[in-house]
Amino acid sequence: MKKIYYLGTCDTCKKIMEDAGISTASGFELQDIRTEKITPAQLAEMKKMAGSYETLFSRRALLYKELGLKDKKLTEEDYRDYILKHDTFLKRPVVVIGDKIFIGSEKKNIEALTAVTKR
């Protein structure tokens, strides 16, 4: 399976997709998480690959500060529930290629992703 969960309005996601050659033409299934919400089953599969919901959770989201979440001790269930309620809490993009998962836009992550997609 080759799939990307991204936000269509996010310029960073678009640039990563372009740089890594991610498109339907290259065999990827694209899911804009704003127009096609993540299902609990999809999130559970991502968690299985990533190791935890916390790994998938973005602390950069404006809502993180607005809701005062930085001052709370969140559980794995909390992370799961926030990601399912608000797409902004998913660290983007999430790319799944076979049994590998690439989460977020950190440089080392994108370099690893590009190395896999440009083979």
N, C-alpha and C. Protein backbone atom coordinates (compact mmCIF):
# COMPACT_ATOMS: atom_id res chain seq x y z
N MET A 1 0.84 -1.18 0.00
CA MET A 1 0.00 0.00 0.00
C MET A 1 0.89 1.24 0.00
N LYS A 2 0.51 2.20 -0.80
CA LYS A 2 1.18 3.50 -0.83
C LYS A 2 0.10 4.56 -0.64
N LYS A 3 0.17 5.25 0.49
CA LYS A 3 -0.88 6.21 0.81
C LYS A 3 -0.30 7.40 1.55
N ILE A 4 -0.90 8.56 1.31
CA ILE A 4 -0.52 9.76 2.05
C ILE A 4 -1.76 10.41 2.64
N TYR A 5 -1.65 10.77 3.89
CA TYR A 5 -2.68 11.54 4.59
C TYR A 5 -2.10 12.95 4.69
N TYR A 6 -2.78 13.91 4.11
CA TYR A 6 -2.24 15.27 4.04
C TYR A 6 -3.38 16.27 4.12
N LEU A 7 -3.01 17.53 4.17
CA LEU A 7 -3.98 18.62 4.16
C LEU A 7 -3.81 19.37 2.86
N GLY A 8 -4.85 19.41 2.05
CA GLY A 8 -4.78 20.03 0.73
C GLY A 8 -4.46 21.51 0.74
N THR A 9 -4.72 22.17 1.85
CA THR A 9 -4.45 23.60 1.95
C THR A 9 -3.06 23.89 2.52
N CYS A 10 -2.30 22.85 2.82
CA CYS A 10 -0.99 23.00 3.45
C CYS A 10 0.11 23.04 2.39
N ASP A 11 0.78 24.19 2.28
CA ASP A 11 1.85 24.33 1.30
C ASP A 11 3.02 23.39 1.60
N THR A 12 3.30 23.14 2.87
CA THR A 12 4.38 22.23 3.22
C THR A 12 4.07 20.82 2.72
N CYS A 13 2.85 20.37 2.91
CA CYS A 13 2.44 19.05 2.41
C CYS A 13 2.59 18.98 0.90
N LYS A 14 2.15 20.02 0.21
CA LYS A 14 2.24 20.05 -1.26
C LYS A 14 3.68 19.97 -1.73
N LYS A 15 4.57 20.71 -1.06
CA LYS A 15 5.98 20.70 -1.44
C LYS A 15 6.60 19.34 -1.20
N ILE A 16 6.30 18.73 -0.07
CA ILE A 16 6.83 17.40 0.23
C ILE A 16 6.35 16.40 -0.81
N MET A 17 5.08 16.47 -1.16
CA MET A 17 4.53 15.56 -2.17
C MET A 17 5.25 15.74 -3.50
N GLU A 18 5.47 16.98 -3.88
CA GLU A 18 6.16 17.27 -5.14
C GLU A 18 7.60 16.76 -5.10
N ASP A 19 8.32 17.09 -4.04
CA ASP A 19 9.73 16.70 -3.92
C ASP A 19 9.91 15.18 -3.87
N ALA A 20 8.97 14.47 -3.24
CA ALA A 20 9.07 13.02 -3.10
C ALA A 20 8.41 12.28 -4.27
N GLY A 21 7.80 13.01 -5.19
CA GLY A 21 7.15 12.37 -6.33
C GLY A 21 5.90 11.60 -5.95
N ILE A 22 5.18 12.11 -4.96
CA ILE A 22 3.96 11.45 -4.49
C ILE A 22 2.76 11.99 -5.26
N SER A 23 2.10 11.10 -5.99
CA SER A 23 0.90 11.46 -6.74
C SER A 23 0.14 10.19 -7.06
N THR A 24 -1.05 10.35 -7.58
CA THR A 24 -1.81 9.17 -7.99
C THR A 24 -1.10 8.48 -9.16
N ALA A 25 -0.41 9.27 -9.99
CA ALA A 25 0.32 8.71 -11.13
C ALA A 25 1.46 7.80 -10.67
N SER A 26 2.01 8.06 -9.48
CA SER A 26 3.10 7.22 -8.97
C SER A 26 2.56 6.10 -8.07
N GLY A 27 1.25 5.88 -8.12
CA GLY A 27 0.65 4.76 -7.42
C GLY A 27 0.20 5.03 -5.99
N PHE A 28 0.18 6.29 -5.59
CA PHE A 28 -0.23 6.64 -4.24
C PHE A 28 -1.72 6.91 -4.18
N GLU A 29 -2.32 6.50 -3.06
CA GLU A 29 -3.68 6.90 -2.74
C GLU A 29 -3.54 8.16 -1.90
N LEU A 30 -4.20 9.23 -2.31
CA LEU A 30 -4.12 10.51 -1.62
C LEU A 30 -5.39 10.73 -0.81
N GLN A 31 -5.24 11.08 0.45
CA GLN A 31 -6.40 11.38 1.29
C GLN A 31 -6.21 12.73 1.95
N ASP A 32 -6.98 13.71 1.46
CA ASP A 32 -6.99 15.04 2.08
C ASP A 32 -7.85 14.91 3.34
N ILE A 33 -7.20 15.02 4.50
CA ILE A 33 -7.90 14.75 5.75
C ILE A 33 -8.94 15.80 6.12
N ARG A 34 -8.96 16.90 5.41
CA ARG A 34 -9.98 17.92 5.67
C ARG A 34 -11.28 17.54 4.95
N THR A 35 -11.17 16.97 3.75
CA THR A 35 -12.36 16.63 2.98
C THR A 35 -12.79 15.17 3.17
N GLU A 36 -11.84 14.32 3.56
CA GLU A 36 -12.14 12.91 3.82
C GLU A 36 -11.53 12.55 5.17
N LYS A 37 -12.35 12.65 6.20
CA LYS A 37 -11.89 12.47 7.58
C LYS A 37 -11.21 11.12 7.78
N ILE A 38 -10.26 11.11 8.69
CA ILE A 38 -9.59 9.87 9.08
C ILE A 38 -10.57 9.03 9.88
N THR A 39 -10.63 7.75 9.58
CA THR A 39 -11.51 6.85 10.32
C THR A 39 -10.76 6.30 11.54
N PRO A 40 -11.49 5.85 12.54
CA PRO A 40 -10.82 5.22 13.68
C PRO A 40 -9.95 4.04 13.26
N ALA A 41 -10.40 3.27 12.27
CA ALA A 41 -9.61 2.12 11.80
C ALA A 41 -8.31 2.58 11.13
N GLN A 42 -8.38 3.64 10.33
CA GLN A 42 -7.17 4.16 9.70
C GLN A 42 -6.19 4.66 10.75
N LEU A 43 -6.69 5.38 11.75
CA LEU A 43 -5.83 5.91 12.79
C LEU A 43 -5.22 4.77 13.61
N ALA A 44 -6.00 3.74 13.88
CA ALA A 44 -5.48 2.58 14.62
C ALA A 44 -4.35 1.91 13.85
N GLU A 45 -4.49 1.82 12.53
CA GLU A 45 -3.44 1.22 11.69
C GLU A 45 -2.18 2.09 11.72
N MET A 46 -2.35 3.40 11.66
CA MET A 46 -1.19 4.30 11.74
C MET A 46 -0.50 4.14 13.09
N LYS A 47 -1.29 4.04 14.16
CA LYS A 47 -0.74 3.88 15.51
C LYS A 47 0.05 2.58 15.61
N LYS A 48 -0.48 1.54 15.01
CA LYS A 48 0.19 0.24 15.03
C LYS A 48 1.58 0.36 14.40
N MET A 49 1.67 1.11 13.32
CA MET A 49 2.94 1.28 12.62
C MET A 49 3.86 2.27 13.35
N ALA A 50 3.28 3.31 13.93
CA ALA A 50 4.07 4.37 14.56
C ALA A 50 4.46 4.05 16.00
N GLY A 51 3.69 3.18 16.65
CA GLY A 51 3.99 2.82 18.03
C GLY A 51 3.12 3.49 19.06
N SER A 52 2.59 4.68 18.74
CA SER A 52 1.72 5.36 19.70
C SER A 52 0.92 6.45 18.98
N TYR A 53 -0.17 6.85 19.62
CA TYR A 53 -0.94 7.98 19.09
C TYR A 53 -0.17 9.27 19.32
N GLU A 54 0.60 9.31 20.40
CA GLU A 54 1.36 10.52 20.70
C GLU A 54 2.35 10.85 19.57
N THR A 55 2.94 9.84 18.96
CA THR A 55 3.86 10.03 17.85
C THR A 55 3.17 10.72 16.67
N LEU A 56 1.89 10.46 16.50
CA LEU A 56 1.11 11.02 15.40
C LEU A 56 0.53 12.40 15.73
N PHE A 57 0.66 12.82 16.96
CA PHE A 57 0.00 14.03 17.45
C PHE A 57 0.89 15.26 17.24
N SER A 58 0.30 16.31 16.71
CA SER A 58 1.03 17.56 16.47
C SER A 58 0.80 18.55 17.61
N ARG A 59 1.90 18.95 18.22
CA ARG A 59 1.83 19.97 19.25
C ARG A 59 1.97 21.37 18.65
N ARG A 60 2.15 21.45 17.35
CA ARG A 60 2.25 22.74 16.67
C ARG A 60 0.89 23.35 16.36
N ALA A 61 -0.14 22.54 16.43
CA ALA A 61 -1.49 23.00 16.11
C ALA A 61 -1.89 24.17 17.02
N LEU A 62 -2.50 25.18 16.43
CA LEU A 62 -2.94 26.34 17.22
C LEU A 62 -3.91 25.93 18.32
N LEU A 63 -4.75 24.94 18.02
CA LEU A 63 -5.72 24.47 19.02
C LEU A 63 -5.03 23.89 20.25
N TYR A 64 -3.83 23.38 20.08
CA TYR A 64 -3.09 22.80 21.21
C TYR A 64 -2.93 23.84 22.31
N LYS A 65 -2.55 25.05 21.91
CA LYS A 65 -2.38 26.13 22.89
C LYS A 65 -3.74 26.69 23.31
N GLU A 66 -4.63 26.88 22.33
CA GLU A 66 -5.95 27.45 22.63
C GLU A 66 -6.72 26.63 23.65
N LEU A 67 -6.62 25.31 23.55
CA LEU A 67 -7.35 24.43 24.46
C LEU A 67 -6.57 24.17 25.77
N GLY A 68 -5.39 24.75 25.86
CA GLY A 68 -4.58 24.59 27.08
C GLY A 68 -4.06 23.18 27.27
N LEU A 69 -3.87 22.45 26.17
CA LEU A 69 -3.46 21.05 26.27
C LEU A 69 -2.03 20.88 26.77
N LYS A 70 -1.20 21.93 26.58
CA LYS A 70 0.20 21.81 27.03
C LYS A 70 0.29 21.73 28.55
N ASP A 71 -0.76 22.16 29.22
CA ASP A 71 -0.77 22.13 30.68
C ASP A 71 -1.46 20.88 31.24
N LYS A 72 -1.89 19.99 30.35
CA LYS A 72 -2.59 18.77 30.78
C LYS A 72 -1.73 17.55 30.49
N LYS A 73 -1.92 16.52 31.27
CA LYS A 73 -1.24 15.24 31.01
C LYS A 73 -2.20 14.40 30.17
N LEU A 74 -1.86 14.27 28.89
CA LEU A 74 -2.72 13.55 27.97
C LEU A 74 -2.38 12.06 27.93
N THR A 75 -3.42 11.24 27.81
CA THR A 75 -3.25 9.79 27.68
C THR A 75 -3.27 9.43 26.20
N GLU A 76 -2.94 8.19 25.90
CA GLU A 76 -3.01 7.71 24.51
C GLU A 76 -4.43 7.88 23.96
N GLU A 77 -5.42 7.61 24.78
CA GLU A 77 -6.82 7.78 24.34
C GLU A 77 -7.12 9.25 24.05
N ASP A 78 -6.56 10.15 24.85
CA ASP A 78 -6.75 11.58 24.61
C ASP A 78 -6.17 11.97 23.25
N TYR A 79 -4.94 11.51 22.99
CA TYR A 79 -4.31 11.82 21.70
C TYR A 79 -5.17 11.31 20.56
N ARG A 80 -5.63 10.07 20.69
CA ARG A 80 -6.49 9.45 19.67
C ARG A 80 -7.74 10.29 19.44
N ASP A 81 -8.42 10.63 20.51
CA ASP A 81 -9.68 11.36 20.41
C ASP A 81 -9.48 12.75 19.79
N TYR A 82 -8.42 13.45 20.19
CA TYR A 82 -8.17 14.78 19.61
C TYR A 82 -7.87 14.69 18.11
N ILE A 83 -7.10 13.70 17.70
CA ILE A 83 -6.79 13.54 16.27
C ILE A 83 -8.06 13.25 15.49
N LEU A 84 -8.93 12.42 16.03
CA LEU A 84 -10.17 12.08 15.32
C LEU A 84 -11.14 13.26 15.28
N LYS A 85 -11.13 14.10 16.31
CA LYS A 85 -12.05 15.25 16.36
C LYS A 85 -11.57 16.42 15.50
N HIS A 86 -10.26 16.65 15.47
CA HIS A 86 -9.69 17.81 14.79
C HIS A 86 -8.52 17.38 13.91
N ASP A 87 -8.70 17.46 12.61
CA ASP A 87 -7.63 17.02 11.70
C ASP A 87 -6.32 17.77 11.92
N THR A 88 -6.40 18.95 12.50
CA THR A 88 -5.21 19.76 12.73
C THR A 88 -4.24 19.10 13.71
N PHE A 89 -4.72 18.13 14.51
CA PHE A 89 -3.86 17.47 15.48
C PHE A 89 -3.05 16.32 14.89
N LEU A 90 -3.31 15.94 13.65
CA LEU A 90 -2.49 14.90 13.02
C LEU A 90 -1.21 15.55 12.50
N LYS A 91 -0.08 15.03 12.91
CA LYS A 91 1.20 15.53 12.41
C LYS A 91 1.24 15.18 10.91
N ARG A 92 1.43 16.20 10.07
CA ARG A 92 1.30 15.99 8.63
C ARG A 92 2.60 16.25 7.89
N PRO A 93 2.71 15.59 6.74
CA PRO A 93 1.88 14.50 6.23
C PRO A 93 2.25 13.17 6.89
N VAL A 94 1.37 12.20 6.74
CA VAL A 94 1.67 10.83 7.13
C VAL A 94 1.69 10.03 5.85
N VAL A 95 2.83 9.41 5.58
CA VAL A 95 2.98 8.62 4.35
C VAL A 95 3.22 7.17 4.75
N VAL A 96 2.44 6.28 4.15
CA VAL A 96 2.59 4.86 4.38
C VAL A 96 3.02 4.21 3.07
N ILE A 97 4.16 3.51 3.13
CA ILE A 97 4.65 2.77 1.97
C ILE A 97 4.96 1.37 2.47
N GLY A 98 4.08 0.43 2.11
CA GLY A 98 4.24 -0.94 2.60
C GLY A 98 4.18 -0.98 4.11
N ASP A 99 5.26 -1.45 4.73
CA ASP A 99 5.29 -1.54 6.20
C ASP A 99 6.04 -0.38 6.84
N LYS A 100 6.33 0.66 6.06
CA LYS A 100 7.05 1.83 6.56
C LYS A 100 6.08 3.02 6.71
N ILE A 101 6.31 3.81 7.74
CA ILE A 101 5.50 5.01 7.95
C ILE A 101 6.43 6.20 8.15
N PHE A 102 6.07 7.31 7.54
CA PHE A 102 6.83 8.55 7.64
C PHE A 102 5.87 9.61 8.16
N ILE A 103 6.21 10.23 9.29
CA ILE A 103 5.29 11.12 9.97
C ILE A 103 5.89 12.52 10.10
N GLY A 104 5.17 13.51 9.59
CA GLY A 104 5.56 14.89 9.78
C GLY A 104 6.54 15.42 8.74
N SER A 105 6.96 16.65 8.97
CA SER A 105 7.76 17.37 7.98
C SER A 105 9.19 17.67 8.43
N GLU A 106 9.66 16.96 9.45
CA GLU A 106 11.04 17.17 9.89
C GLU A 106 11.99 16.76 8.76
N LYS A 107 13.09 17.48 8.65
CA LYS A 107 14.03 17.28 7.55
C LYS A 107 14.49 15.83 7.42
N LYS A 108 14.90 15.20 8.53
CA LYS A 108 15.41 13.83 8.45
C LYS A 108 14.32 12.86 7.99
N ASN A 109 13.09 13.11 8.38
CA ASN A 109 11.98 12.28 7.97
C ASN A 109 11.73 12.41 6.46
N ILE A 110 11.77 13.63 5.97
CA ILE A 110 11.53 13.87 4.54
C ILE A 110 12.67 13.31 3.71
N GLU A 111 13.89 13.40 4.20
CA GLU A 111 15.03 12.81 3.49
C GLU A 111 14.87 11.30 3.38
N ALA A 112 14.44 10.66 4.46
CA ALA A 112 14.21 9.21 4.45
C ALA A 112 13.08 8.84 3.50
N LEU A 113 12.01 9.63 3.53
CA LEU A 113 10.88 9.40 2.62
C LEU A 113 11.33 9.53 1.16
N THR A 114 12.03 10.59 0.85
CA THR A 114 12.48 10.83 -0.52
C THR A 114 13.41 9.73 -0.99
N ALA A 115 14.26 9.23 -0.10
CA ALA A 115 15.16 8.14 -0.45
C ALA A 115 14.38 6.89 -0.86
N VAL A 116 13.25 6.66 -0.20
CA VAL A 116 12.42 5.49 -0.53
C VAL A 116 11.63 5.72 -1.82
N THR A 117 11.08 6.90 -1.99
CA THR A 117 10.23 7.14 -3.17
C THR A 117 11.02 7.38 -4.45
N LYS A 118 12.26 7.76 -4.34
CA LYS A 118 13.07 8.06 -5.53
C LYS A 118 13.89 6.87 -6.02
N ARG A 119 13.71 5.70 -5.38
CA ARG A 119 14.45 4.50 -5.82
C ARG A 119 14.05 4.10 -7.20
